[in-house]
Amino acid sequence: HFAGYGAARGGRDYDDAEISDSELWNVYLPP
């Protein structure tokens, strides 16, 4: 799901995600 859904706060499904640009580009976007 574009993008960063797996970083849901506290592992709680549907909760918001706060992701730095570094993590976004290096971790979440490559797949």
PDB file of all heavy atoms in Angstrom:
ATOM      1  N   HIS A   1       0.881  -1.169   0.000  1.00  0.00           N
ATOM      2  CA  HIS A   1       0.000   0.000   0.000  1.00  0.00           C
ATOM      3  C   HIS A   1       0.915   1.214   0.000  1.00  0.00           C
ATOM      4  O   HIS A   1       1.770   1.321   0.885  1.00  0.00           O
ATOM      5  CB  HIS A   1      -0.885   0.040   1.242  1.00  0.00           C
ATOM      6  CG  HIS A   1      -1.623  -1.241   1.518  1.00  0.00           C
ATOM      7  ND1 HIS A   1      -1.037  -2.325   2.103  1.00  0.00           N
ATOM      8  CD2 HIS A   1      -2.916  -1.600   1.288  1.00  0.00           C
ATOM      9  CE1 HIS A   1      -1.925  -3.303   2.236  1.00  0.00           C
ATOM     10  NE2 HIS A   1      -3.074  -2.891   1.738  1.00  0.00           N
ATOM     11  N   PHE A   2       0.744   2.105  -0.935  1.00  0.00           N
ATOM     12  CA  PHE A   2       1.678   3.201  -1.108  1.00  0.00           C
ATOM     13  C   PHE A   2       1.308   4.371  -0.199  1.00  0.00           C
ATOM     14  O   PHE A   2       0.249   4.952  -0.370  1.00  0.00           O
ATOM     15  CB  PHE A   2       1.683   3.651  -2.568  1.00  0.00           C
ATOM     16  CG  PHE A   2       2.919   4.386  -2.972  1.00  0.00           C
ATOM     17  CD1 PHE A   2       4.063   3.690  -3.314  1.00  0.00           C
ATOM     18  CD2 PHE A   2       2.955   5.763  -2.993  1.00  0.00           C
ATOM     19  CE1 PHE A   2       5.217   4.353  -3.687  1.00  0.00           C
ATOM     20  CE2 PHE A   2       4.105   6.441  -3.355  1.00  0.00           C
ATOM     21  CZ  PHE A   2       5.242   5.733  -3.708  1.00  0.00           C
ATOM     22  N   ALA A   3       2.174   4.691   0.708  1.00  0.00           N
ATOM     23  CA  ALA A   3       3.421   4.039   1.099  1.00  0.00           C
ATOM     24  C   ALA A   3       3.563   4.184   2.612  1.00  0.00           C
ATOM     25  O   ALA A   3       3.013   5.101   3.227  1.00  0.00           O
ATOM     26  CB  ALA A   3       4.604   4.682   0.418  1.00  0.00           C
ATOM     27  N   GLY A   4       4.329   3.233   3.204  1.00  0.00           N
ATOM     28  CA  GLY A   4       4.648   3.301   4.617  1.00  0.00           C
ATOM     29  C   GLY A   4       3.617   2.709   5.540  1.00  0.00           C
ATOM     30  O   GLY A   4       3.691   2.888   6.758  1.00  0.00           O
ATOM     31  N   TYR A   5       2.650   1.964   4.996  1.00  0.00           N
ATOM     32  CA  TYR A   5       1.593   1.380   5.821  1.00  0.00           C
ATOM     33  C   TYR A   5       2.168   0.448   6.889  1.00  0.00           C
ATOM     34  O   TYR A   5       1.632   0.338   7.989  1.00  0.00           O
ATOM     35  CB  TYR A   5       0.639   0.636   4.886  1.00  0.00           C
ATOM     36  CG  TYR A   5      -0.618   0.054   5.489  1.00  0.00           C
ATOM     37  CD1 TYR A   5      -1.193   0.557   6.650  1.00  0.00           C
ATOM     38  CD2 TYR A   5      -1.268  -0.993   4.853  1.00  0.00           C
ATOM     39  CE1 TYR A   5      -2.361   0.023   7.165  1.00  0.00           C
ATOM     40  CE2 TYR A   5      -2.434  -1.540   5.354  1.00  0.00           C
ATOM     41  CZ  TYR A   5      -2.974  -1.036   6.518  1.00  0.00           C
ATOM     42  OH  TYR A   5      -4.129  -1.570   7.025  1.00  0.00           O
ATOM     43  N   GLY A   6       3.270  -0.226   6.571  1.00  0.00           N
ATOM     44  CA  GLY A   6       3.864  -1.150   7.529  1.00  0.00           C
ATOM     45  C   GLY A   6       4.474  -0.482   8.743  1.00  0.00           C
ATOM     46  O   GLY A   6       4.881  -1.170   9.689  1.00  0.00           O
ATOM     47  N   ALA A   7       4.560   0.835   8.733  1.00  0.00           N
ATOM     48  CA  ALA A   7       5.134   1.566   9.871  1.00  0.00           C
ATOM     49  C   ALA A   7       4.055   2.124  10.789  1.00  0.00           C
ATOM     50  O   ALA A   7       4.302   3.075  11.541  1.00  0.00           O
ATOM     51  CB  ALA A   7       6.015   2.708   9.361  1.00  0.00           C
ATOM     52  N   ALA A   8       2.874   1.529  10.755  1.00  0.00           N
ATOM     53  CA  ALA A   8       1.774   2.007  11.600  1.00  0.00           C
ATOM     54  C   ALA A   8       2.227   2.123  13.053  1.00  0.00           C
ATOM     55  O   ALA A   8       2.851   1.217  13.599  1.00  0.00           O
ATOM     56  CB  ALA A   8       0.587   1.057  11.497  1.00  0.00           C
ATOM     57  N   ARG A   9       1.894   3.211  13.660  1.00  0.00           N
ATOM     58  CA  ARG A   9       2.355   3.499  15.016  1.00  0.00           C
ATOM     59  C   ARG A   9       1.917   2.399  15.983  1.00  0.00           C
ATOM     60  O   ARG A   9       0.746   2.027  16.047  1.00  0.00           O
ATOM     61  CB  ARG A   9       1.780   4.847  15.469  1.00  0.00           C
ATOM     62  CG  ARG A   9       2.526   5.481  16.632  1.00  0.00           C
ATOM     63  CD  ARG A   9       1.814   6.744  17.097  1.00  0.00           C
ATOM     64  NE  ARG A   9       1.738   7.785  16.080  1.00  0.00           N
ATOM     65  CZ  ARG A   9       2.647   8.741  15.928  1.00  0.00           C
ATOM     66  NH1 ARG A   9       3.730   8.749  16.679  1.00  0.00           N
ATOM     67  NH2 ARG A   9       2.479   9.681  15.005  1.00  0.00           N
ATOM     68  N   GLY A  10       2.893   1.861  16.737  1.00  0.00           N
ATOM     69  CA  GLY A  10       2.604   0.827  17.724  1.00  0.00           C
ATOM     70  C   GLY A  10       2.211  -0.507  17.119  1.00  0.00           C
ATOM     71  O   GLY A  10       1.738  -1.392  17.827  1.00  0.00           O
ATOM     72  N   GLY A  11       2.391  -0.665  15.793  1.00  0.00           N
ATOM     73  CA  GLY A  11       1.958  -1.892  15.148  1.00  0.00           C
ATOM     74  C   GLY A  11       0.447  -2.031  15.061  1.00  0.00           C
ATOM     75  O   GLY A  11      -0.058  -3.099  14.743  1.00  0.00           O
ATOM     76  N   ARG A  12      -0.269  -0.938  15.333  1.00  0.00           N
ATOM     77  CA  ARG A  12      -1.732  -0.977  15.334  1.00  0.00           C
ATOM     78  C   ARG A  12      -2.248  -0.696  13.931  1.00  0.00           C
ATOM     79  O   ARG A  12      -2.017   0.385  13.381  1.00  0.00           O
ATOM     80  CB  ARG A  12      -2.287   0.052  16.334  1.00  0.00           C
ATOM     81  CG  ARG A  12      -1.918  -0.226  17.784  1.00  0.00           C
ATOM     82  CD  ARG A  12      -2.503   0.827  18.723  1.00  0.00           C
ATOM     83  NE  ARG A  12      -1.928   2.131  18.472  1.00  0.00           N
ATOM     84  CZ  ARG A  12      -0.812   2.589  19.065  1.00  0.00           C
ATOM     85  NH1 ARG A  12      -0.169   1.830  19.930  1.00  0.00           N
ATOM     86  NH2 ARG A  12      -0.363   3.787  18.780  1.00  0.00           N
ATOM     87  N   ASP A  13      -2.929  -1.678  13.358  1.00  0.00           N
ATOM     88  CA  ASP A  13      -3.423  -1.542  11.998  1.00  0.00           C
ATOM     89  C   ASP A  13      -4.281  -0.287  11.867  1.00  0.00           C
ATOM     90  O   ASP A  13      -5.096   0.019  12.747  1.00  0.00           O
ATOM     91  CB  ASP A  13      -4.244  -2.779  11.627  1.00  0.00           C
ATOM     92  CG  ASP A  13      -4.197  -3.064  10.140  1.00  0.00           C
ATOM     93  OD1 ASP A  13      -3.564  -2.288   9.410  1.00  0.00           O
ATOM     94  OD2 ASP A  13      -4.782  -4.071   9.720  1.00  0.00           O
ATOM     95  N   TYR A  14      -4.077   0.427  10.771  1.00  0.00           N
ATOM     96  CA  TYR A  14      -4.789   1.648  10.379  1.00  0.00           C
ATOM     97  C   TYR A  14      -4.272   2.899  11.091  1.00  0.00           C
ATOM     98  O   TYR A  14      -4.659   4.010  10.717  1.00  0.00           O
ATOM     99  CB  TYR A  14      -6.309   1.555  10.612  1.00  0.00           C
ATOM    100  CG  TYR A  14      -6.977   0.318  10.064  1.00  0.00           C
ATOM    101  CD1 TYR A  14      -8.056  -0.252  10.724  1.00  0.00           C
ATOM    102  CD2 TYR A  14      -6.553  -0.279   8.879  1.00  0.00           C
ATOM    103  CE1 TYR A  14      -8.683  -1.378  10.226  1.00  0.00           C
ATOM    104  CE2 TYR A  14      -7.173  -1.407   8.384  1.00  0.00           C
ATOM    105  CZ  TYR A  14      -8.238  -1.967   9.057  1.00  0.00           C
ATOM    106  OH  TYR A  14      -8.869  -3.082   8.571  1.00  0.00           O
ATOM    107  N   ASP A  15      -3.425   2.756  12.117  1.00  0.00           N
ATOM    108  CA  ASP A  15      -2.911   3.955  12.770  1.00  0.00           C
ATOM    109  C   ASP A  15      -1.941   4.700  11.847  1.00  0.00           C
ATOM    110  O   ASP A  15      -1.436   4.157  10.868  1.00  0.00           O
ATOM    111  CB  ASP A  15      -2.215   3.600  14.082  1.00  0.00           C
ATOM    112  CG  ASP A  15      -3.174   3.608  15.258  1.00  0.00           C
ATOM    113  OD1 ASP A  15      -4.390   3.585  15.021  1.00  0.00           O
ATOM    114  OD2 ASP A  15      -2.715   3.618  16.415  1.00  0.00           O
ATOM    115  N   ASP A  16      -1.675   5.963  12.190  1.00  0.00           N
ATOM    116  CA  ASP A  16      -0.831   6.807  11.361  1.00  0.00           C
ATOM    117  C   ASP A  16       0.627   6.362  11.402  1.00  0.00           C
ATOM    118  O   ASP A  16       1.039   5.594  12.273  1.00  0.00           O
ATOM    119  CB  ASP A  16      -0.941   8.260  11.829  1.00  0.00           C
ATOM    120  CG  ASP A  16      -0.528   8.428  13.278  1.00  0.00           C
ATOM    121  OD1 ASP A  16      -1.232   7.900  14.173  1.00  0.00           O
ATOM    122  OD2 ASP A  16       0.507   9.075  13.530  1.00  0.00           O
ATOM    123  N   ALA A  17       1.408   6.857  10.449  1.00  0.00           N
ATOM    124  CA  ALA A  17       2.830   6.521  10.358  1.00  0.00           C
ATOM    125  C   ALA A  17       3.636   7.801  10.199  1.00  0.00           C
ATOM    126  O   ALA A  17       3.263   8.691   9.430  1.00  0.00           O
ATOM    127  CB  ALA A  17       3.087   5.593   9.179  1.00  0.00           C
ATOM    128  N   GLU A  18       4.708   7.880  10.937  1.00  0.00           N
ATOM    129  CA  GLU A  18       5.666   8.983  10.814  1.00  0.00           C
ATOM    130  C   GLU A  18       6.986   8.382  10.334  1.00  0.00           C
ATOM    131  O   GLU A  18       7.615   7.602  11.035  1.00  0.00           O
ATOM    132  CB  GLU A  18       5.861   9.694  12.156  1.00  0.00           C
ATOM    133  CG  GLU A  18       4.681  10.537  12.594  1.00  0.00           C
ATOM    134  CD  GLU A  18       4.575  11.839  11.797  1.00  0.00           C
ATOM    135  OE1 GLU A  18       5.632  12.346  11.344  1.00  0.00           O
ATOM    136  OE2 GLU A  18       3.446  12.331  11.629  1.00  0.00           O
ATOM    137  N   ILE A  19       7.390   8.732   9.127  1.00  0.00           N
ATOM    138  CA  ILE A  19       8.558   8.125   8.505  1.00  0.00           C
ATOM    139  C   ILE A  19       9.474   9.224   7.984  1.00  0.00           C
ATOM    140  O   ILE A  19       9.045  10.109   7.232  1.00  0.00           O
ATOM    141  CB  ILE A  19       8.139   7.213   7.332  1.00  0.00           C
ATOM    142  CG1 ILE A  19       7.152   6.154   7.815  1.00  0.00           C
ATOM    143  CG2 ILE A  19       9.356   6.539   6.709  1.00  0.00           C
ATOM    144  CD1 ILE A  19       6.566   5.320   6.690  1.00  0.00           C
ATOM    145  N   SER A  20      10.742   9.175   8.348  1.00  0.00           N
ATOM    146  CA  SER A  20      11.698  10.148   7.833  1.00  0.00           C
ATOM    147  C   SER A  20      11.927   9.901   6.347  1.00  0.00           C
ATOM    148  O   SER A  20      11.689   8.805   5.826  1.00  0.00           O
ATOM    149  CB  SER A  20      13.033  10.024   8.578  1.00  0.00           C
ATOM    150  OG  SER A  20      13.692   8.818   8.219  1.00  0.00           O
ATOM    151  N   ASP A  21      12.409  10.912   5.648  1.00  0.00           N
ATOM    152  CA  ASP A  21      12.721  10.734   4.236  1.00  0.00           C
ATOM    153  C   ASP A  21      13.808   9.684   4.047  1.00  0.00           C
ATOM    154  O   ASP A  21      13.788   8.932   3.064  1.00  0.00           O
ATOM    155  CB  ASP A  21      13.168  12.067   3.620  1.00  0.00           C
ATOM    156  CG  ASP A  21      11.990  12.979   3.314  1.00  0.00           C
ATOM    157  OD1 ASP A  21      10.842  12.509   3.384  1.00  0.00           O
ATOM    158  OD2 ASP A  21      12.217  14.157   3.003  1.00  0.00           O
ATOM    159  N   SER A  22      14.747   9.614   4.961  1.00  0.00           N
ATOM    160  CA  SER A  22      15.808   8.613   4.859  1.00  0.00           C
ATOM    161  C   SER A  22      15.228   7.204   4.902  1.00  0.00           C
ATOM    162  O   SER A  22      15.571   6.345   4.081  1.00  0.00           O
ATOM    163  CB  SER A  22      16.823   8.798   5.989  1.00  0.00           C
ATOM    164  OG  SER A  22      17.817   7.794   5.937  1.00  0.00           O
ATOM    165  N   GLU A  23      14.336   6.958   5.858  1.00  0.00           N
ATOM    166  CA  GLU A  23      13.711   5.641   5.929  1.00  0.00           C
ATOM    167  C   GLU A  23      12.808   5.382   4.738  1.00  0.00           C
ATOM    168  O   GLU A  23      12.746   4.263   4.216  1.00  0.00           O
ATOM    169  CB  GLU A  23      12.909   5.503   7.231  1.00  0.00           C
ATOM    170  CG  GLU A  23      13.696   4.920   8.374  1.00  0.00           C
ATOM    171  CD  GLU A  23      12.785   4.240   9.383  1.00  0.00           C
ATOM    172  OE1 GLU A  23      11.766   4.853   9.749  1.00  0.00           O
ATOM    173  OE2 GLU A  23      13.102   3.112   9.791  1.00  0.00           O
ATOM    174  N   LEU A  24      12.087   6.394   4.297  1.00  0.00           N
ATOM    175  CA  LEU A  24      11.196   6.212   3.159  1.00  0.00           C
ATOM    176  C   LEU A  24      11.971   5.716   1.948  1.00  0.00           C
ATOM    177  O   LEU A  24      11.614   4.708   1.327  1.00  0.00           O
ATOM    178  CB  LEU A  24      10.480   7.524   2.830  1.00  0.00           C
ATOM    179  CG  LEU A  24       9.563   7.472   1.602  1.00  0.00           C
ATOM    180  CD1 LEU A  24       8.342   6.613   1.880  1.00  0.00           C
ATOM    181  CD2 LEU A  24       9.155   8.885   1.171  1.00  0.00           C
ATOM    182  N   TRP A  25      13.048   6.425   1.596  1.00  0.00           N
ATOM    183  CA  TRP A  25      13.777   6.114   0.367  1.00  0.00           C
ATOM    184  C   TRP A  25      14.660   4.879   0.503  1.00  0.00           C
ATOM    185  O   TRP A  25      14.808   4.106  -0.450  1.00  0.00           O
ATOM    186  CB  TRP A  25      14.610   7.317  -0.064  1.00  0.00           C
ATOM    187  CG  TRP A  25      13.753   8.432  -0.578  1.00  0.00           C
ATOM    188  CD1 TRP A  25      13.335   9.537   0.099  1.00  0.00           C
ATOM    189  CD2 TRP A  25      13.174   8.532  -1.879  1.00  0.00           C
ATOM    190  NE1 TRP A  25      12.538  10.323  -0.688  1.00  0.00           N
ATOM    191  CE2 TRP A  25      12.428   9.734  -1.917  1.00  0.00           C
ATOM    192  CE3 TRP A  25      13.223   7.735  -3.015  1.00  0.00           C
ATOM    193  CZ2 TRP A  25      11.732  10.142  -3.052  1.00  0.00           C
ATOM    194  CZ3 TRP A  25      12.533   8.146  -4.148  1.00  0.00           C
ATOM    195  CH2 TRP A  25      11.793   9.334  -4.158  1.00  0.00           C
ATOM    196  N   ASN A  26      15.251   4.682   1.681  1.00  0.00           N
ATOM    197  CA  ASN A  26      16.184   3.564   1.841  1.00  0.00           C
ATOM    198  C   ASN A  26      15.517   2.256   2.244  1.00  0.00           C
ATOM    199  O   ASN A  26      16.056   1.183   1.977  1.00  0.00           O
ATOM    200  CB  ASN A  26      17.254   3.915   2.881  1.00  0.00           C
ATOM    201  CG  ASN A  26      18.197   4.989   2.410  1.00  0.00           C
ATOM    202  OD1 ASN A  26      18.622   4.988   1.247  1.00  0.00           O
ATOM    203  ND2 ASN A  26      18.522   5.939   3.278  1.00  0.00           N
ATOM    204  N   VAL A  27      14.348   2.343   2.882  1.00  0.00           N
ATOM    205  CA  VAL A  27      13.727   1.137   3.430  1.00  0.00           C
ATOM    206  C   VAL A  27      12.387   0.828   2.778  1.00  0.00           C
ATOM    207  O   VAL A  27      12.161  -0.293   2.302  1.00  0.00           O
ATOM    208  CB  VAL A  27      13.548   1.267   4.961  1.00  0.00           C
ATOM    209  CG1 VAL A  27      12.812   0.048   5.531  1.00  0.00           C
ATOM    210  CG2 VAL A  27      14.901   1.431   5.639  1.00  0.00           C
ATOM    211  N   TYR A  28      11.480   1.798   2.726  1.00  0.00           N
ATOM    212  CA  TYR A  28      10.104   1.511   2.343  1.00  0.00           C
ATOM    213  C   TYR A  28       9.832   1.566   0.840  1.00  0.00           C
ATOM    214  O   TYR A  28       8.916   0.896   0.346  1.00  0.00           O
ATOM    215  CB  TYR A  28       9.146   2.456   3.079  1.00  0.00           C
ATOM    216  CG  TYR A  28       9.074   2.150   4.549  1.00  0.00           C
ATOM    217  CD1 TYR A  28       9.871   2.824   5.472  1.00  0.00           C
ATOM    218  CD2 TYR A  28       8.245   1.146   5.031  1.00  0.00           C
ATOM    219  CE1 TYR A  28       9.833   2.518   6.825  1.00  0.00           C
ATOM    220  CE2 TYR A  28       8.194   0.830   6.369  1.00  0.00           C
ATOM    221  CZ  TYR A  28       8.997   1.522   7.269  1.00  0.00           C
ATOM    222  OH  TYR A  28       8.950   1.202   8.607  1.00  0.00           O
ATOM    223  N   LEU A  29      10.605   2.335   0.093  1.00  0.00           N
ATOM    224  CA  LEU A  29      10.326   2.470  -1.332  1.00  0.00           C
ATOM    225  C   LEU A  29      10.999   1.444  -2.240  1.00  0.00           C
ATOM    226  O   LEU A  29      10.477   1.170  -3.336  1.00  0.00           O
ATOM    227  CB  LEU A  29      10.698   3.882  -1.806  1.00  0.00           C
ATOM    228  CG  LEU A  29       9.801   5.014  -1.305  1.00  0.00           C
ATOM    229  CD1 LEU A  29      10.224   6.339  -1.921  1.00  0.00           C
ATOM    230  CD2 LEU A  29       8.327   4.740  -1.606  1.00  0.00           C
ATOM    231  N   PRO A  30      12.148   0.857  -1.880  1.00  0.00           N
ATOM    232  CA  PRO A  30      12.783  -0.090  -2.813  1.00  0.00           C
ATOM    233  C   PRO A  30      11.889  -1.212  -3.321  1.00  0.00           C
ATOM    234  O   PRO A  30      11.930  -1.515  -4.531  1.00  0.00           O
ATOM    235  CB  PRO A  30      13.980  -0.620  -2.004  1.00  0.00           C
ATOM    236  CG  PRO A  30      14.373   0.542  -1.149  1.00  0.00           C
ATOM    237  CD  PRO A  30      13.054   1.159  -0.735  1.00  0.00           C
ATOM    238  N   PRO A  31      11.023  -1.840  -2.503  1.00  0.00           N
ATOM    239  CA  PRO A  31      10.152  -2.867  -3.083  1.00  0.00           C
ATOM    240  C   PRO A  31       9.164  -2.306  -4.101  1.00  0.00           C
ATOM    241  O   PRO A  31       8.845  -2.978  -5.096  1.00  0.00           O
ATOM    242  CB  PRO A  31       9.429  -3.439  -1.848  1.00  0.00           C
ATOM    243  CG  PRO A  31      10.354  -3.169  -0.713  1.00  0.00           C
ATOM    244  CD  PRO A  31      10.938  -1.830  -1.026  1.00  0.00           C
TER     245      PRO A  31
END
